[in-house]
Amino acid sequence: MPFRARHDPQLEPDAIRAAVQHIHPAFRNSPQFVHEGLSDLAGIDVVLKVETVNPIRAFKGRGTWLAIAGLAGEGTIGSGRAVVAASTGNFGQGVAFAARAHGVPAVIFADEHANPTKLNRMRRFGATVIQQGRDFDAAREASEAYASAQGAFLLLDGADPRVAAGAATLALEVTDGIAAGDLPAITTAYVPLGNGALIVGVGAWLRHAAPGCRIVGVAAAGAASMVQSWEAGEVVETTEAATYAEGIACRVPIPEALDMMVGRVDELILVSEDQLRAAQAQLTAATGITVEGAAAASWAGVLADRRRDGPALVILTGSNVAPAART
């Protein structure tokens, strides 16, 4: 495979452990427990990690806080130099929340069809939101042009290892729970796969703390560019990302993310829209938590995997559902 494994100091075990103390407390120590109902459905113990009880209702707050705090501390961004990002919503919320706290102007690009719930929350956190392009990747292109023209800093989700390191801290909390005897040792981690930051972070930590754990990325069949790229060994762009789960709707992969995945991912699987919607409904019913489409991918992966053979990690990554999608 021609993707090249990268050595990023931020993704070393000691750095991930240290990163915990630099993340806003609201995003740390999220609920984690064996969910009996899901375990009964899967036929194995299911360790549920709930990343929705925080100011942005999504796991992205960990990595964005770490990245913004680091960039602000270095003087790369500040009151006189904005941070620019593109987002389907949760990354943008995290950037806006962290930027406001550090006194940094934030400009977030989103596509013309973006989830209004997420857009409104980005604005509430003080970001300037610009909607441009038919999908996320078109908005990302617009954000790159804007940052270049304005002399602003572009924070690209999937490319910055600090964002992945923030995500790694949720896996660290799981293995700490295992070490404390509160959770069973997991044999497989099912990770929603969008631009790759989450699976890079989770894989980086589990390779160290649970080397026998299988790392499985779960992508939408209608947005298969990351899986196709991984299998081809080169970046493969698709003409569209046809999934309702905007958080994993990737059409143009980030090369840096694919490089960082090398050595940290065991398998990638695709699930259909029907599988995602069924998993979303099951999770919502079982947990009493509003579950967004991308957050259902982890559970959909469990149900789709014929190789499941022991305790599994399911990450409930977000609960920002568009108004029309609520039940």
Foldseek 3Di string as FASTA:
>chain_A
DPQAADDDVCLAQVNLVVLVVQAPPQQPDFDWAFQVVLCVVLVFTEIEGQRQRGLLGFNQLQLLLQVLVVCVVVVVFALVAAEEEEDLASNLLNVLQNCLVRNHAYEYEFAPPRFVLRVVSSVVSPYHYHHHDHGRVRRRVVRVVVCVVVVHHYDYPLQDLSSLSSLLNSLVSVLVCCVVVRDPQAQEEEAEAAQQSNLLSVLSNCCPRPVNHAYEYEAAPQQCQLVVCLVVVHGDFDPFQPAPQRNRRHRGHDSNNSSSCVPRHDYYDHDYNVLLVVQQVVCCVSPVAQAGSSLSRRSSVSVVDPPDDHYYYRYRGGRRYRPVPDD
